[in-house]
Amino acid sequence: MITAEEFDKVEVRVGTVVSAKINKKARKSAYVVAIDFGEELGVRTSSAQITDCYTPEDLVGRQVVCCVNLPPMYIGSAKSEVRILGADAAQGVVLLQPQQPVANGDKIF
């Protein structure tokens, strides 16, 4: 278990996908996704294994929920700066998203 103090260190925000393309060098099927988090954080990238449920066209314009304060890592040749959150469902990863549109960069509590 983690403490409430440890959990409070996780920074989760909403952003809007501005582009998505196949991550050709990833070992498992993935997209390189660019996400706009507004003026404070700007556009950040993620490599996400979400190809079972989404096409790049499905993703552009979609708001997603992401953890934005993890250290960056490289997946294939793509720098993954944020982690997109989703449910590990039988059909594949299903993305979390707000029920109503919110401003890019809004915090999740």
C-alpha atoms as a PDB file:
ATOM      1  CA  MET A   1       0.000   0.000   0.000  1.00  0.00           C
ATOM      2  CA  ILE A   2       0.983   3.608  -0.442  1.00  0.00           C
ATOM      3  CA  THR A   3       0.174   6.475   1.881  1.00  0.00           C
ATOM      4  CA  ALA A   4      -2.142   9.366   1.087  1.00  0.00           C
ATOM      5  CA  GLU A   5       0.943  11.622   1.024  1.00  0.00           C
ATOM      6  CA  GLU A   6       2.561   9.400  -1.628  1.00  0.00           C
ATOM      7  CA  PHE A   7      -0.645   9.374  -3.688  1.00  0.00           C
ATOM      8  CA  ASP A   8      -0.865  13.175  -3.528  1.00  0.00           C
ATOM      9  CA  LYS A   9       2.517  13.370  -5.311  1.00  0.00           C
ATOM     10  CA  VAL A  10       0.979  11.874  -8.473  1.00  0.00           C
ATOM     11  CA  GLU A  11      -0.008  14.703 -10.833  1.00  0.00           C
ATOM     12  CA  VAL A  12      -2.873  13.721 -13.125  1.00  0.00           C
ATOM     13  CA  ARG A  13      -4.207  16.170 -15.716  1.00  0.00           C
ATOM     14  CA  VAL A  14      -6.507  16.312 -18.731  1.00  0.00           C
ATOM     15  CA  GLY A  15      -5.178  17.043 -22.216  1.00  0.00           C
ATOM     16  CA  THR A  16      -6.414  16.902 -25.795  1.00  0.00           C
ATOM     17  CA  VAL A  17      -4.776  14.650 -28.380  1.00  0.00           C
ATOM     18  CA  VAL A  18      -3.402  16.738 -31.252  1.00  0.00           C
ATOM     19  CA  SER A  19      -1.749  13.931 -33.238  1.00  0.00           C
ATOM     20  CA  ALA A  20      -1.240  10.178 -33.202  1.00  0.00           C
ATOM     21  CA  LYS A  21       0.866   7.875 -35.372  1.00  0.00           C
ATOM     22  CA  ILE A  22       2.270   4.348 -35.221  1.00  0.00           C
ATOM     23  CA  ASN A  23       5.388   3.964 -33.060  1.00  0.00           C
ATOM     24  CA  LYS A  24       7.292   1.932 -35.659  1.00  0.00           C
ATOM     25  CA  LYS A  25      10.189   1.037 -33.351  1.00  0.00           C
ATOM     26  CA  ALA A  26       8.175  -0.108 -30.317  1.00  0.00           C
ATOM     27  CA  ARG A  27       8.427  -3.823 -29.496  1.00  0.00           C
ATOM     28  CA  LYS A  28       4.655  -4.034 -28.936  1.00  0.00           C
ATOM     29  CA  SER A  29       2.093  -2.282 -31.143  1.00  0.00           C
ATOM     30  CA  ALA A  30       1.787   1.340 -29.954  1.00  0.00           C
ATOM     31  CA  TYR A  31       1.081   4.894 -31.038  1.00  0.00           C
ATOM     32  CA  VAL A  32       3.141   8.017 -30.475  1.00  0.00           C
ATOM     33  CA  VAL A  33       0.544  10.478 -29.205  1.00  0.00           C
ATOM     34  CA  ALA A  34       1.012  14.260 -28.843  1.00  0.00           C
ATOM     35  CA  ILE A  35      -1.224  15.755 -26.155  1.00  0.00           C
ATOM     36  CA  ASP A  36      -1.908  19.444 -25.478  1.00  0.00           C
ATOM     37  CA  PHE A  37      -2.006  20.239 -21.755  1.00  0.00           C
ATOM     38  CA  GLY A  38      -2.540  23.982 -22.153  1.00  0.00           C
ATOM     39  CA  GLU A  39      -0.292  26.949 -21.537  1.00  0.00           C
ATOM     40  CA  GLU A  40       1.375  25.744 -18.310  1.00  0.00           C
ATOM     41  CA  LEU A  41       2.590  22.333 -19.561  1.00  0.00           C
ATOM     42  CA  GLY A  42       2.332  22.665 -23.343  1.00  0.00           C
ATOM     43  CA  VAL A  43       2.325  19.691 -25.702  1.00  0.00           C
ATOM     44  CA  ARG A  44       3.826  16.446 -24.426  1.00  0.00           C
ATOM     45  CA  THR A  45       4.237  13.042 -26.050  1.00  0.00           C
ATOM     46  CA  SER A  46       3.425   9.516 -24.973  1.00  0.00           C
ATOM     47  CA  SER A  47       3.923   6.088 -26.475  1.00  0.00           C
ATOM     48  CA  ALA A  48       0.745   4.179 -25.732  1.00  0.00           C
ATOM     49  CA  GLN A  49      -0.249   0.560 -26.351  1.00  0.00           C
ATOM     50  CA  ILE A  50      -3.832   1.412 -27.285  1.00  0.00           C
ATOM     51  CA  THR A  51      -3.977   0.054 -30.840  1.00  0.00           C
ATOM     52  CA  ASP A  52      -6.579  -2.637 -30.059  1.00  0.00           C
ATOM     53  CA  CYS A  53      -9.378  -0.139 -29.425  1.00  0.00           C
ATOM     54  CA  TYR A  54      -8.333   3.050 -31.242  1.00  0.00           C
ATOM     55  CA  THR A  55      -7.078   4.267 -34.600  1.00  0.00           C
ATOM     56  CA  PRO A  56      -5.018   7.459 -34.875  1.00  0.00           C
ATOM     57  CA  GLU A  57      -8.092   9.171 -36.338  1.00  0.00           C
ATOM     58  CA  ASP A  58     -10.168   8.108 -33.282  1.00  0.00           C
ATOM     59  CA  LEU A  59      -7.663   9.750 -30.965  1.00  0.00           C
ATOM     60  CA  VAL A  60      -7.205  13.229 -32.480  1.00  0.00           C
ATOM     61  CA  GLY A  61      -9.446  15.702 -30.647  1.00  0.00           C
ATOM     62  CA  ARG A  62     -10.165  13.290 -27.787  1.00  0.00           C
ATOM     63  CA  GLN A  63      -9.548  14.419 -24.237  1.00  0.00           C
ATOM     64  CA  VAL A  64      -7.467  11.972 -22.197  1.00  0.00           C
ATOM     65  CA  VAL A  65      -6.374  11.665 -18.571  1.00  0.00           C
ATOM     66  CA  CYS A  66      -2.609  11.406 -18.017  1.00  0.00           C
ATOM     67  CA  CYS A  67      -0.011  11.231 -15.292  1.00  0.00           C
ATOM     68  CA  VAL A  68       2.323  14.116 -16.134  1.00  0.00           C
ATOM     69  CA  ASN A  69       5.057  13.978 -13.482  1.00  0.00           C
ATOM     70  CA  LEU A  70       6.836  10.697 -14.197  1.00  0.00           C
ATOM     71  CA  PRO A  71      10.379  10.752 -15.579  1.00  0.00           C
ATOM     72  CA  PRO A  72      10.483  10.526 -19.393  1.00  0.00           C
ATOM     73  CA  MET A  73      11.453   7.217 -20.973  1.00  0.00           C
ATOM     74  CA  TYR A  74      12.136   6.067 -24.499  1.00  0.00           C
ATOM     75  CA  ILE A  75       9.931   3.436 -26.108  1.00  0.00           C
ATOM     76  CA  GLY A  76      11.448   2.553 -29.432  1.00  0.00           C
ATOM     77  CA  SER A  77      12.717   5.899 -30.634  1.00  0.00           C
ATOM     78  CA  ALA A  78       9.821   7.875 -29.099  1.00  0.00           C
ATOM     79  CA  LYS A  79      10.258   9.946 -25.951  1.00  0.00           C
ATOM     80  CA  SER A  80       7.321   9.173 -23.681  1.00  0.00           C
ATOM     81  CA  GLU A  81       6.874  12.161 -21.349  1.00  0.00           C
ATOM     82  CA  VAL A  82       3.455  11.323 -19.885  1.00  0.00           C
ATOM     83  CA  ARG A  83       1.462   8.174 -19.194  1.00  0.00           C
ATOM     84  CA  ILE A  84      -2.051   7.998 -20.635  1.00  0.00           C
ATOM     85  CA  LEU A  85      -4.446   6.303 -18.203  1.00  0.00           C
ATOM     86  CA  GLY A  86      -6.884   3.601 -19.219  1.00  0.00           C
ATOM     87  CA  ALA A  87      -8.646   0.462 -18.063  1.00  0.00           C
ATOM     88  CA  ASP A  88      -7.006  -2.860 -18.955  1.00  0.00           C
ATOM     89  CA  ALA A  89     -10.216  -4.396 -20.337  1.00  0.00           C
ATOM     90  CA  ALA A  90     -10.885  -7.648 -22.186  1.00  0.00           C
ATOM     91  CA  GLN A  91     -11.030  -5.784 -25.518  1.00  0.00           C
ATOM     92  CA  GLY A  92      -7.791  -3.867 -24.857  1.00  0.00           C
ATOM     93  CA  VAL A  93      -6.920  -0.622 -23.110  1.00  0.00           C
ATOM     94  CA  VAL A  94      -9.952   1.682 -22.847  1.00  0.00           C
ATOM     95  CA  LEU A  95      -8.940   5.290 -22.210  1.00  0.00           C
ATOM     96  CA  LEU A  96     -10.185   7.321 -19.259  1.00  0.00           C
ATOM     97  CA  GLN A  97     -11.724  10.649 -20.182  1.00  0.00           C
ATOM     98  CA  PRO A  98     -13.852  13.337 -18.532  1.00  0.00           C
ATOM     99  CA  GLN A  99     -17.618  13.051 -18.929  1.00  0.00           C
ATOM    100  CA  GLN A 100     -17.755  16.701 -20.012  1.00  0.00           C
ATOM    101  CA  PRO A 101     -15.165  18.813 -21.875  1.00  0.00           C
ATOM    102  CA  VAL A 102     -12.724  20.600 -19.558  1.00  0.00           C
ATOM    103  CA  ALA A 103      -9.776  22.933 -20.099  1.00  0.00           C
ATOM    104  CA  ASN A 104      -6.492  21.380 -21.184  1.00  0.00           C
ATOM    105  CA  GLY A 105      -4.256  21.060 -18.147  1.00  0.00           C
ATOM    106  CA  ASP A 106      -7.073  20.798 -15.608  1.00  0.00           C
ATOM    107  CA  LYS A 107      -6.005  18.698 -12.622  1.00  0.00           C
ATOM    108  CA  ILE A 108      -7.657  15.436 -11.587  1.00  0.00           C
ATOM    109  CA  PHE A 109      -8.216  15.084  -7.849  1.00  0.00           C
END
